[in-house]
mmCIF file of all heavy atoms, coordinates in Angstrom:
data_MODEL
# 
_entry.id   MODEL 
# 
loop_
_atom_site.group_PDB 
_atom_site.id 
_atom_site.type_symbol 
_atom_site.label_atom_id 
_atom_site.label_alt_id 
_atom_site.label_comp_id 
_atom_site.label_asym_id 
_atom_site.label_entity_id 
_atom_site.label_seq_id 
_atom_site.pdbx_PDB_ins_code 
_atom_site.Cartn_x 
_atom_site.Cartn_y 
_atom_site.Cartn_z 
_atom_site.occupancy 
_atom_site.B_iso_or_equiv 
_atom_site.pdbx_formal_charge 
_atom_site.auth_seq_id 
_atom_site.auth_comp_id 
_atom_site.auth_asym_id 
_atom_site.auth_atom_id 
_atom_site.pdbx_PDB_model_num 
ATOM 1   N N   . SER A 1 1  ? 0.832  -1.205 0.000   1.00 0.00 ? 1  SER A N   1 
ATOM 2   C CA  . SER A 1 1  ? 0.000  0.000  0.000   1.00 0.00 ? 1  SER A CA  1 
ATOM 3   C C   . SER A 1 1  ? 0.868  1.258  0.000   1.00 0.00 ? 1  SER A C   1 
ATOM 4   O O   . SER A 1 1  ? 0.564  2.236  -0.708  1.00 0.00 ? 1  SER A O   1 
ATOM 5   C CB  . SER A 1 1  ? -0.911 -0.007 1.233   1.00 0.00 ? 1  SER A CB  1 
ATOM 6   O OG  . SER A 1 1  ? -1.662 1.185  1.308   1.00 0.00 ? 1  SER A OG  1 
ATOM 7   N N   . ILE A 1 2  ? 1.961  1.244  0.770   1.00 0.00 ? 2  ILE A N   1 
ATOM 8   C CA  . ILE A 1 2  ? 2.886  2.380  0.775   1.00 0.00 ? 2  ILE A CA  1 
ATOM 9   C C   . ILE A 1 2  ? 3.518  2.539  -0.602  1.00 0.00 ? 2  ILE A C   1 
ATOM 10  O O   . ILE A 1 2  ? 3.633  3.648  -1.130  1.00 0.00 ? 2  ILE A O   1 
ATOM 11  C CB  . ILE A 1 2  ? 3.986  2.189  1.848   1.00 0.00 ? 2  ILE A CB  1 
ATOM 12  C CG1 . ILE A 1 2  ? 3.364  2.185  3.249   1.00 0.00 ? 2  ILE A CG1 1 
ATOM 13  C CG2 . ILE A 1 2  ? 5.048  3.288  1.735   1.00 0.00 ? 2  ILE A CG2 1 
ATOM 14  C CD1 . ILE A 1 2  ? 4.351  1.853  4.351   1.00 0.00 ? 2  ILE A CD1 1 
ATOM 15  N N   . PHE A 1 3  ? 3.918  1.424  -1.194  1.00 0.00 ? 3  PHE A N   1 
ATOM 16  C CA  . PHE A 1 3  ? 4.527  1.460  -2.524  1.00 0.00 ? 3  PHE A CA  1 
ATOM 17  C C   . PHE A 1 3  ? 3.584  2.079  -3.540  1.00 0.00 ? 3  PHE A C   1 
ATOM 18  O O   . PHE A 1 3  ? 3.978  2.989  -4.306  1.00 0.00 ? 3  PHE A O   1 
ATOM 19  C CB  . PHE A 1 3  ? 4.915  0.052  -2.960  1.00 0.00 ? 3  PHE A CB  1 
ATOM 20  C CG  . PHE A 1 3  ? 5.218  -0.072 -4.424  1.00 0.00 ? 3  PHE A CG  1 
ATOM 21  C CD1 . PHE A 1 3  ? 6.396  0.448  -4.947  1.00 0.00 ? 3  PHE A CD1 1 
ATOM 22  C CD2 . PHE A 1 3  ? 4.323  -0.696 -5.283  1.00 0.00 ? 3  PHE A CD2 1 
ATOM 23  C CE1 . PHE A 1 3  ? 6.682  0.355  -6.309  1.00 0.00 ? 3  PHE A CE1 1 
ATOM 24  C CE2 . PHE A 1 3  ? 4.596  -0.802 -6.636  1.00 0.00 ? 3  PHE A CE2 1 
ATOM 25  C CZ  . PHE A 1 3  ? 5.774  -0.277 -7.152  1.00 0.00 ? 3  PHE A CZ  1 
ATOM 26  N N   . VAL A 1 4  ? 2.352  1.625  -3.579  1.00 0.00 ? 4  VAL A N   1 
ATOM 27  C CA  . VAL A 1 4  ? 1.376  2.120  -4.555  1.00 0.00 ? 4  VAL A CA  1 
ATOM 28  C C   . VAL A 1 4  ? 1.176  3.626  -4.395  1.00 0.00 ? 4  VAL A C   1 
ATOM 29  O O   . VAL A 1 4  ? 1.142  4.381  -5.380  1.00 0.00 ? 4  VAL A O   1 
ATOM 30  C CB  . VAL A 1 4  ? 0.031  1.375  -4.393  1.00 0.00 ? 4  VAL A CB  1 
ATOM 31  C CG1 . VAL A 1 4  ? -1.066 2.046  -5.226  1.00 0.00 ? 4  VAL A CG1 1 
ATOM 32  C CG2 . VAL A 1 4  ? 0.176  -0.084 -4.799  1.00 0.00 ? 4  VAL A CG2 1 
ATOM 33  N N   . LYS A 1 5  ? 1.072  4.076  -3.155  1.00 0.00 ? 5  LYS A N   1 
ATOM 34  C CA  . LYS A 1 5  ? 0.842  5.500  -2.889  1.00 0.00 ? 5  LYS A CA  1 
ATOM 35  C C   . LYS A 1 5  ? 2.048  6.348  -3.285  1.00 0.00 ? 5  LYS A C   1 
ATOM 36  O O   . LYS A 1 5  ? 1.905  7.371  -3.962  1.00 0.00 ? 5  LYS A O   1 
ATOM 37  C CB  . LYS A 1 5  ? 0.533  5.700  -1.402  1.00 0.00 ? 5  LYS A CB  1 
ATOM 38  C CG  . LYS A 1 5  ? 0.312  7.154  -1.008  1.00 0.00 ? 5  LYS A CG  1 
ATOM 39  C CD  . LYS A 1 5  ? 0.063  7.280  0.484   1.00 0.00 ? 5  LYS A CD  1 
ATOM 40  C CE  . LYS A 1 5  ? -0.086 8.754  0.882   1.00 0.00 ? 5  LYS A CE  1 
ATOM 41  N NZ  . LYS A 1 5  ? -0.265 8.895  2.347   1.00 0.00 ? 5  LYS A NZ  1 
ATOM 42  N N   . GLU A 1 6  ? 3.233  5.916  -2.884  1.00 0.00 ? 6  GLU A N   1 
ATOM 43  C CA  . GLU A 1 6  ? 4.431  6.740  -3.087  1.00 0.00 ? 6  GLU A CA  1 
ATOM 44  C C   . GLU A 1 6  ? 4.931  6.705  -4.533  1.00 0.00 ? 6  GLU A C   1 
ATOM 45  O O   . GLU A 1 6  ? 5.467  7.690  -5.030  1.00 0.00 ? 6  GLU A O   1 
ATOM 46  C CB  . GLU A 1 6  ? 5.540  6.295  -2.137  1.00 0.00 ? 6  GLU A CB  1 
ATOM 47  C CG  . GLU A 1 6  ? 5.219  6.496  -0.671  1.00 0.00 ? 6  GLU A CG  1 
ATOM 48  C CD  . GLU A 1 6  ? 4.983  7.961  -0.313  1.00 0.00 ? 6  GLU A CD  1 
ATOM 49  O OE1 . GLU A 1 6  ? 5.689  8.822  -0.882  1.00 0.00 ? 6  GLU A OE1 1 
ATOM 50  O OE2 . GLU A 1 6  ? 4.094  8.230  0.504   1.00 0.00 ? 6  GLU A OE2 1 
ATOM 51  N N   . ILE A 1 7  ? 4.750  5.590  -5.213  1.00 0.00 ? 7  ILE A N   1 
ATOM 52  C CA  . ILE A 1 7  ? 5.233  5.496  -6.593  1.00 0.00 ? 7  ILE A CA  1 
ATOM 53  C C   . ILE A 1 7  ? 4.322  6.276  -7.539  1.00 0.00 ? 7  ILE A C   1 
ATOM 54  O O   . ILE A 1 7  ? 4.739  6.644  -8.641  1.00 0.00 ? 7  ILE A O   1 
ATOM 55  C CB  . ILE A 1 7  ? 5.334  4.015  -7.040  1.00 0.00 ? 7  ILE A CB  1 
ATOM 56  C CG1 . ILE A 1 7  ? 6.450  3.838  -8.092  1.00 0.00 ? 7  ILE A CG1 1 
ATOM 57  C CG2 . ILE A 1 7  ? 4.014  3.503  -7.581  1.00 0.00 ? 7  ILE A CG2 1 
ATOM 58  C CD1 . ILE A 1 7  ? 7.831  3.995  -7.558  1.00 0.00 ? 7  ILE A CD1 1 
ATOM 59  N N   . ALA A 1 8  ? 3.087  6.551  -7.083  1.00 0.00 ? 8  ALA A N   1 
ATOM 60  C CA  . ALA A 1 8  ? 2.119  7.271  -7.920  1.00 0.00 ? 8  ALA A CA  1 
ATOM 61  C C   . ALA A 1 8  ? 2.204  8.786  -7.743  1.00 0.00 ? 8  ALA A C   1 
ATOM 62  O O   . ALA A 1 8  ? 1.459  9.529  -8.391  1.00 0.00 ? 8  ALA A O   1 
ATOM 63  C CB  . ALA A 1 8  ? 0.706  6.797  -7.602  1.00 0.00 ? 8  ALA A CB  1 
ATOM 64  N N   . ARG A 1 9  ? 3.113  9.240  -6.901  1.00 0.00 ? 9  ARG A N   1 
ATOM 65  C CA  . ARG A 1 9  ? 3.242  10.678 -6.664  1.00 0.00 ? 9  ARG A CA  1 
ATOM 66  C C   . ARG A 1 9  ? 3.572  11.420 -7.962  1.00 0.00 ? 9  ARG A C   1 
ATOM 67  O O   . ARG A 1 9  ? 4.338  10.937 -8.799  1.00 0.00 ? 9  ARG A O   1 
ATOM 68  C CB  . ARG A 1 9  ? 4.326  10.953 -5.623  1.00 0.00 ? 9  ARG A CB  1 
ATOM 69  C CG  . ARG A 1 9  ? 3.929  10.558 -4.228  1.00 0.00 ? 9  ARG A CG  1 
ATOM 70  C CD  . ARG A 1 9  ? 5.082  10.739 -3.255  1.00 0.00 ? 9  ARG A CD  1 
ATOM 71  N NE  . ARG A 1 9  ? 5.551  12.110 -3.204  1.00 0.00 ? 9  ARG A NE  1 
ATOM 72  C CZ  . ARG A 1 9  ? 6.515  12.529 -2.385  1.00 0.00 ? 9  ARG A CZ  1 
ATOM 73  N NH1 . ARG A 1 9  ? 7.105  11.669 -1.563  1.00 0.00 ? 9  ARG A NH1 1 
ATOM 74  N NH2 . ARG A 1 9  ? 6.896  13.788 -2.393  1.00 0.00 ? 9  ARG A NH2 1 
ATOM 75  N N   . LYS A 1 10 ? 3.019  12.625 -8.095  1.00 0.00 ? 10 LYS A N   1 
ATOM 76  C CA  . LYS A 1 10 ? 3.245  13.420 -9.301  1.00 0.00 ? 10 LYS A CA  1 
ATOM 77  C C   . LYS A 1 10 ? 4.488  14.299 -9.174  1.00 0.00 ? 10 LYS A C   1 
ATOM 78  O O   . LYS A 1 10 ? 5.094  14.677 -10.178 1.00 0.00 ? 10 LYS A O   1 
ATOM 79  C CB  . LYS A 1 10 ? 2.015  14.299 -9.581  1.00 0.00 ? 10 LYS A CB  1 
ATOM 80  C CG  . LYS A 1 10 ? 0.726  13.522 -9.786  1.00 0.00 ? 10 LYS A CG  1 
ATOM 81  C CD  . LYS A 1 10 ? 0.815  12.609 -11.003 1.00 0.00 ? 10 LYS A CD  1 
ATOM 82  C CE  . LYS A 1 10 ? -0.514 11.891 -11.231 1.00 0.00 ? 10 LYS A CE  1 
ATOM 83  N NZ  . LYS A 1 10 ? -0.434 10.930 -12.366 1.00 0.00 ? 10 LYS A NZ  1 
ATOM 84  N N   . ASN A 1 11 ? 4.836  14.664 -7.931  1.00 0.00 ? 11 ASN A N   1 
ATOM 85  C CA  . ASN A 1 11 ? 6.006  15.500 -7.730  1.00 0.00 ? 11 ASN A CA  1 
ATOM 86  C C   . ASN A 1 11 ? 6.622  15.221 -6.366  1.00 0.00 ? 11 ASN A C   1 
ATOM 87  O O   . ASN A 1 11 ? 5.976  14.658 -5.488  1.00 0.00 ? 11 ASN A O   1 
ATOM 88  C CB  . ASN A 1 11 ? 5.659  16.991 -7.866  1.00 0.00 ? 11 ASN A CB  1 
ATOM 89  C CG  . ASN A 1 11 ? 4.496  17.369 -6.967  1.00 0.00 ? 11 ASN A CG  1 
ATOM 90  O OD1 . ASN A 1 11 ? 4.579  17.270 -5.751  1.00 0.00 ? 11 ASN A OD1 1 
ATOM 91  N ND2 . ASN A 1 11 ? 3.388  17.810 -7.580  1.00 0.00 ? 11 ASN A ND2 1 
ATOM 92  N N   . ILE A 1 12 ? 7.878  15.625 -6.239  1.00 0.00 ? 12 ILE A N   1 
ATOM 93  C CA  . ILE A 1 12 ? 8.597  15.426 -4.976  1.00 0.00 ? 12 ILE A CA  1 
ATOM 94  C C   . ILE A 1 12 ? 9.344  16.706 -4.628  1.00 0.00 ? 12 ILE A C   1 
ATOM 95  O O   . ILE A 1 12 ? 9.599  17.540 -5.485  1.00 0.00 ? 12 ILE A O   1 
ATOM 96  C CB  . ILE A 1 12 ? 9.605  14.253 -5.060  1.00 0.00 ? 12 ILE A CB  1 
ATOM 97  C CG1 . ILE A 1 12 ? 10.631 14.494 -6.184  1.00 0.00 ? 12 ILE A CG1 1 
ATOM 98  C CG2 . ILE A 1 12 ? 8.890  12.931 -5.220  1.00 0.00 ? 12 ILE A CG2 1 
ATOM 99  C CD1 . ILE A 1 12 ? 11.786 13.522 -6.176  1.00 0.00 ? 12 ILE A CD1 1 
ATOM 100 N N   . ASP A 1 13 ? 9.684  16.842 -3.363  1.00 0.00 ? 13 ASP A N   1 
ATOM 101 C CA  . ASP A 1 13 ? 10.409 18.005 -2.891  1.00 0.00 ? 13 ASP A CA  1 
ATOM 102 C C   . ASP A 1 13 ? 11.843 17.626 -2.521  1.00 0.00 ? 13 ASP A C   1 
ATOM 103 O O   . ASP A 1 13 ? 12.802 18.226 -2.984  1.00 0.00 ? 13 ASP A O   1 
ATOM 104 C CB  . ASP A 1 13 ? 9.678  18.606 -1.685  1.00 0.00 ? 13 ASP A CB  1 
ATOM 105 C CG  . ASP A 1 13 ? 10.151 20.016 -1.364  1.00 0.00 ? 13 ASP A CG  1 
ATOM 106 O OD1 . ASP A 1 13 ? 11.053 20.509 -2.064  1.00 0.00 ? 13 ASP A OD1 1 
ATOM 107 O OD2 . ASP A 1 13 ? 9.622  20.621 -0.419  1.00 0.00 ? 13 ASP A OD2 1 
ATOM 108 N N   . SER A 1 14 ? 11.984 16.586 -1.703  1.00 0.00 ? 14 SER A N   1 
ATOM 109 C CA  . SER A 1 14 ? 13.310 16.132 -1.269  1.00 0.00 ? 14 SER A CA  1 
ATOM 110 C C   . SER A 1 14 ? 13.789 14.994 -2.166  1.00 0.00 ? 14 SER A C   1 
ATOM 111 O O   . SER A 1 14 ? 13.285 13.873 -2.088  1.00 0.00 ? 14 SER A O   1 
ATOM 112 C CB  . SER A 1 14 ? 13.252 15.662 0.187   1.00 0.00 ? 14 SER A CB  1 
ATOM 113 O OG  . SER A 1 14 ? 14.444 15.030 0.548   1.00 0.00 ? 14 SER A OG  1 
ATOM 114 N N   . LYS A 1 15 ? 14.756 15.280 -3.002  1.00 0.00 ? 15 LYS A N   1 
ATOM 115 C CA  . LYS A 1 15 ? 15.197 14.284 -3.989  1.00 0.00 ? 15 LYS A CA  1 
ATOM 116 C C   . LYS A 1 15 ? 15.943 13.110 -3.347  1.00 0.00 ? 15 LYS A C   1 
ATOM 117 O O   . LYS A 1 15 ? 15.681 11.947 -3.652  1.00 0.00 ? 15 LYS A O   1 
ATOM 118 C CB  . LYS A 1 15 ? 16.078 14.946 -5.049  1.00 0.00 ? 15 LYS A CB  1 
ATOM 119 C CG  . LYS A 1 15 ? 15.393 16.033 -5.866  1.00 0.00 ? 15 LYS A CG  1 
ATOM 120 C CD  . LYS A 1 15 ? 16.340 16.600 -6.897  1.00 0.00 ? 15 LYS A CD  1 
ATOM 121 C CE  . LYS A 1 15 ? 15.706 17.712 -7.714  1.00 0.00 ? 15 LYS A CE  1 
ATOM 122 N NZ  . LYS A 1 15 ? 15.519 18.950 -6.901  1.00 0.00 ? 15 LYS A NZ  1 
ATOM 123 N N   . LEU A 1 16 ? 16.899 13.408 -2.480  1.00 0.00 ? 16 LEU A N   1 
ATOM 124 C CA  . LEU A 1 16 ? 17.738 12.344 -1.917  1.00 0.00 ? 16 LEU A CA  1 
ATOM 125 C C   . LEU A 1 16 ? 16.945 11.366 -1.063  1.00 0.00 ? 16 LEU A C   1 
ATOM 126 O O   . LEU A 1 16 ? 17.104 10.150 -1.173  1.00 0.00 ? 16 LEU A O   1 
ATOM 127 C CB  . LEU A 1 16 ? 18.871 12.954 -1.089  1.00 0.00 ? 16 LEU A CB  1 
ATOM 128 C CG  . LEU A 1 16 ? 20.052 13.500 -1.877  1.00 0.00 ? 16 LEU A CG  1 
ATOM 129 C CD1 . LEU A 1 16 ? 21.041 14.168 -0.941  1.00 0.00 ? 16 LEU A CD1 1 
ATOM 130 C CD2 . LEU A 1 16 ? 20.735 12.400 -2.661  1.00 0.00 ? 16 LEU A CD2 1 
ATOM 131 N N   . SER A 1 17 ? 16.092 11.877 -0.190  1.00 0.00 ? 17 SER A N   1 
ATOM 132 C CA  . SER A 1 17 ? 15.322 10.973 0.668   1.00 0.00 ? 17 SER A CA  1 
ATOM 133 C C   . SER A 1 17 ? 14.328 10.155 -0.151  1.00 0.00 ? 17 SER A C   1 
ATOM 134 O O   . SER A 1 17 ? 14.024 9.004  0.193   1.00 0.00 ? 17 SER A O   1 
ATOM 135 C CB  . SER A 1 17 ? 14.594 11.750 1.767   1.00 0.00 ? 17 SER A CB  1 
ATOM 136 O OG  . SER A 1 17 ? 13.613 12.612 1.218   1.00 0.00 ? 17 SER A OG  1 
ATOM 137 N N   . TYR A 1 18 ? 13.831 10.731 -1.251  1.00 0.00 ? 18 TYR A N   1 
ATOM 138 C CA  . TYR A 1 18 ? 12.923 9.976  -2.114  1.00 0.00 ? 18 TYR A CA  1 
ATOM 139 C C   . TYR A 1 18 ? 13.670 8.835  -2.799  1.00 0.00 ? 18 TYR A C   1 
ATOM 140 O O   . TYR A 1 18 ? 13.135 7.739  -2.970  1.00 0.00 ? 18 TYR A O   1 
ATOM 141 C CB  . TYR A 1 18 ? 12.284 10.895 -3.151  1.00 0.00 ? 18 TYR A CB  1 
ATOM 142 C CG  . TYR A 1 18 ? 11.240 10.207 -4.013  1.00 0.00 ? 18 TYR A CG  1 
ATOM 143 C CD1 . TYR A 1 18 ? 10.076 9.713  -3.449  1.00 0.00 ? 18 TYR A CD1 1 
ATOM 144 C CD2 . TYR A 1 18 ? 11.442 10.045 -5.381  1.00 0.00 ? 18 TYR A CD2 1 
ATOM 145 C CE1 . TYR A 1 18 ? 9.113  9.072  -4.229  1.00 0.00 ? 18 TYR A CE1 1 
ATOM 146 C CE2 . TYR A 1 18 ? 10.487 9.405  -6.168  1.00 0.00 ? 18 TYR A CE2 1 
ATOM 147 C CZ  . TYR A 1 18 ? 9.326  8.928  -5.590  1.00 0.00 ? 18 TYR A CZ  1 
ATOM 148 O OH  . TYR A 1 18 ? 8.387  8.280  -6.362  1.00 0.00 ? 18 TYR A OH  1 
ATOM 149 N N   . ILE A 1 19 ? 14.923 9.081  -3.174  1.00 0.00 ? 19 ILE A N   1 
ATOM 150 C CA  . ILE A 1 19 ? 15.739 8.029  -3.772  1.00 0.00 ? 19 ILE A CA  1 
ATOM 151 C C   . ILE A 1 19 ? 15.957 6.884  -2.779  1.00 0.00 ? 19 ILE A C   1 
ATOM 152 O O   . ILE A 1 19 ? 15.912 5.702  -3.149  1.00 0.00 ? 19 ILE A O   1 
ATOM 153 C CB  . ILE A 1 19 ? 17.086 8.603  -4.257  1.00 0.00 ? 19 ILE A CB  1 
ATOM 154 C CG1 . ILE A 1 19 ? 16.872 9.390  -5.554  1.00 0.00 ? 19 ILE A CG1 1 
ATOM 155 C CG2 . ILE A 1 19 ? 18.119 7.496  -4.475  1.00 0.00 ? 19 ILE A CG2 1 
ATOM 156 C CD1 . ILE A 1 19 ? 18.085 10.151 -6.036  1.00 0.00 ? 19 ILE A CD1 1 
ATOM 157 N N   . LEU A 1 20 ? 16.165 7.224  -1.515  1.00 0.00 ? 20 LEU A N   1 
ATOM 158 C CA  . LEU A 1 20 ? 16.339 6.177  -0.498  1.00 0.00 ? 20 LEU A CA  1 
ATOM 159 C C   . LEU A 1 20 ? 15.049 5.370  -0.315  1.00 0.00 ? 20 LEU A C   1 
ATOM 160 O O   . LEU A 1 20 ? 15.088 4.159  -0.092  1.00 0.00 ? 20 LEU A O   1 
ATOM 161 C CB  . LEU A 1 20 ? 16.767 6.796  0.835   1.00 0.00 ? 20 LEU A CB  1 
ATOM 162 C CG  . LEU A 1 20 ? 18.151 7.440  0.828   1.00 0.00 ? 20 LEU A CG  1 
ATOM 163 C CD1 . LEU A 1 20 ? 18.465 8.062  2.191   1.00 0.00 ? 20 LEU A CD1 1 
ATOM 164 C CD2 . LEU A 1 20 ? 19.227 6.435  0.474   1.00 0.00 ? 20 LEU A CD2 1 
ATOM 165 N N   . LEU A 1 21 ? 13.907 6.042  -0.428  1.00 0.00 ? 21 LEU A N   1 
ATOM 166 C CA  . LEU A 1 21 ? 12.626 5.328  -0.368  1.00 0.00 ? 21 LEU A CA  1 
ATOM 167 C C   . LEU A 1 21 ? 12.471 4.420  -1.583  1.00 0.00 ? 21 LEU A C   1 
ATOM 168 O O   . LEU A 1 21 ? 12.055 3.250  -1.457  1.00 0.00 ? 21 LEU A O   1 
ATOM 169 C CB  . LEU A 1 21 ? 11.473 6.328  -0.294  1.00 0.00 ? 21 LEU A CB  1 
ATOM 170 C CG  . LEU A 1 21 ? 10.051 5.748  -0.293  1.00 0.00 ? 21 LEU A CG  1 
ATOM 171 C CD1 . LEU A 1 21 ? 9.854  4.777  0.866   1.00 0.00 ? 21 LEU A CD1 1 
ATOM 172 C CD2 . LEU A 1 21 ? 9.014  6.867  -0.231  1.00 0.00 ? 21 LEU A CD2 1 
ATOM 173 N N   . LEU A 1 22 ? 12.824 4.921  -2.758  1.00 0.00 ? 22 LEU A N   1 
ATOM 174 C CA  . LEU A 1 22 ? 12.773 4.093  -3.969  1.00 0.00 ? 22 LEU A CA  1 
ATOM 175 C C   . LEU A 1 22 ? 13.684 2.877  -3.847  1.00 0.00 ? 22 LEU A C   1 
ATOM 176 O O   . LEU A 1 22 ? 13.354 1.784  -4.318  1.00 0.00 ? 22 LEU A O   1 
ATOM 177 C CB  . LEU A 1 22 ? 13.181 4.916  -5.197  1.00 0.00 ? 22 LEU A CB  1 
ATOM 178 C CG  . LEU A 1 22 ? 12.206 5.986  -5.685  1.00 0.00 ? 22 LEU A CG  1 
ATOM 179 C CD1 . LEU A 1 22 ? 12.834 6.774  -6.827  1.00 0.00 ? 22 LEU A CD1 1 
ATOM 180 C CD2 . LEU A 1 22 ? 10.881 5.374  -6.131  1.00 0.00 ? 22 LEU A CD2 1 
ATOM 181 N N   . SER A 1 23 ? 14.829 3.058  -3.199  1.00 0.00 ? 23 SER A N   1 
ATOM 182 C CA  . SER A 1 23 ? 15.760 1.938  -3.048  1.00 0.00 ? 23 SER A CA  1 
ATOM 183 C C   . SER A 1 23 ? 15.176 0.849  -2.165  1.00 0.00 ? 23 SER A C   1 
ATOM 184 O O   . SER A 1 23 ? 15.454 -0.336 -2.353  1.00 0.00 ? 23 SER A O   1 
ATOM 185 C CB  . SER A 1 23 ? 17.105 2.415  -2.492  1.00 0.00 ? 23 SER A CB  1 
ATOM 186 O OG  . SER A 1 23 ? 17.041 2.697  -1.117  1.00 0.00 ? 23 SER A OG  1 
ATOM 187 N N   . GLU A 1 24 ? 14.334 1.249  -1.196  1.00 0.00 ? 24 GLU A N   1 
ATOM 188 C CA  . GLU A 1 24 ? 13.631 0.247  -0.379  1.00 0.00 ? 24 GLU A CA  1 
ATOM 189 C C   . GLU A 1 24 ? 12.676 -0.568 -1.250  1.00 0.00 ? 24 GLU A C   1 
ATOM 190 O O   . GLU A 1 24 ? 12.572 -1.788 -1.105  1.00 0.00 ? 24 GLU A O   1 
ATOM 191 C CB  . GLU A 1 24 ? 12.846 0.927  0.743   1.00 0.00 ? 24 GLU A CB  1 
ATOM 192 C CG  . GLU A 1 24 ? 13.687 1.511  1.845   1.00 0.00 ? 24 GLU A CG  1 
ATOM 193 C CD  . GLU A 1 24 ? 14.438 0.465  2.630   1.00 0.00 ? 24 GLU A CD  1 
ATOM 194 O OE1 . GLU A 1 24 ? 14.037 -0.709 2.620   1.00 0.00 ? 24 GLU A OE1 1 
ATOM 195 O OE2 . GLU A 1 24 ? 15.446 0.831  3.250   1.00 0.00 ? 24 GLU A OE2 1 
ATOM 196 N N   . PHE A 1 25 ? 11.982 0.130  -2.143  1.00 0.00 ? 25 PHE A N   1 
ATOM 197 C CA  . PHE A 1 25 ? 11.062 -0.569 -3.039  1.00 0.00 ? 25 PHE A CA  1 
ATOM 198 C C   . PHE A 1 25 ? 11.822 -1.518 -3.966  1.00 0.00 ? 25 PHE A C   1 
ATOM 199 O O   . PHE A 1 25 ? 11.377 -2.644 -4.221  1.00 0.00 ? 25 PHE A O   1 
ATOM 200 C CB  . PHE A 1 25 ? 10.265 0.441  -3.874  1.00 0.00 ? 25 PHE A CB  1 
ATOM 201 C CG  . PHE A 1 25 ? 9.349  1.326  -3.078  1.00 0.00 ? 25 PHE A CG  1 
ATOM 202 C CD1 . PHE A 1 25 ? 9.128  2.649  -3.452  1.00 0.00 ? 25 PHE A CD1 1 
ATOM 203 C CD2 . PHE A 1 25 ? 8.707  0.840  -1.954  1.00 0.00 ? 25 PHE A CD2 1 
ATOM 204 C CE1 . PHE A 1 25 ? 8.280  3.460  -2.721  1.00 0.00 ? 25 PHE A CE1 1 
ATOM 205 C CE2 . PHE A 1 25 ? 7.849  1.654  -1.210  1.00 0.00 ? 25 PHE A CE2 1 
ATOM 206 C CZ  . PHE A 1 25 ? 7.646  2.968  -1.599  1.00 0.00 ? 25 PHE A CZ  1 
ATOM 207 N N   . TYR A 1 26 ? 12.969 -1.074 -4.445  1.00 0.00 ? 26 TYR A N   1 
ATOM 208 C CA  . TYR A 1 26 ? 13.779 -1.935 -5.311  1.00 0.00 ? 26 TYR A CA  1 
ATOM 209 C C   . TYR A 1 26 ? 14.174 -3.210 -4.564  1.00 0.00 ? 26 TYR A C   1 
ATOM 210 O O   . TYR A 1 26 ? 14.066 -4.317 -5.111  1.00 0.00 ? 26 TYR A O   1 
ATOM 211 C CB  . TYR A 1 26 ? 15.025 -1.189 -5.779  1.00 0.00 ? 26 TYR A CB  1 
ATOM 212 C CG  . TYR A 1 26 ? 15.955 -2.061 -6.601  1.00 0.00 ? 26 TYR A CG  1 
ATOM 213 C CD1 . TYR A 1 26 ? 15.764 -2.204 -7.975  1.00 0.00 ? 26 TYR A CD1 1 
ATOM 214 C CD2 . TYR A 1 26 ? 17.005 -2.769 -6.005  1.00 0.00 ? 26 TYR A CD2 1 
ATOM 215 C CE1 . TYR A 1 26 ? 16.594 -3.014 -8.733  1.00 0.00 ? 26 TYR A CE1 1 
ATOM 216 C CE2 . TYR A 1 26 ? 17.832 -3.588 -6.755  1.00 0.00 ? 26 TYR A CE2 1 
ATOM 217 C CZ  . TYR A 1 26 ? 17.632 -3.707 -8.108  1.00 0.00 ? 26 TYR A CZ  1 
ATOM 218 O OH  . TYR A 1 26 ? 18.451 -4.525 -8.850  1.00 0.00 ? 26 TYR A OH  1 
# 
C-alpha cells in the first residue's frame, strides 16, 4: 500500500530521501 501510494506521486520536494525510499522498493 505504501509502494502504490508513493510510486504514484506526481512531484517530490526532497530528492535524496525519495531516492532512499525508492531503493527500499527496489
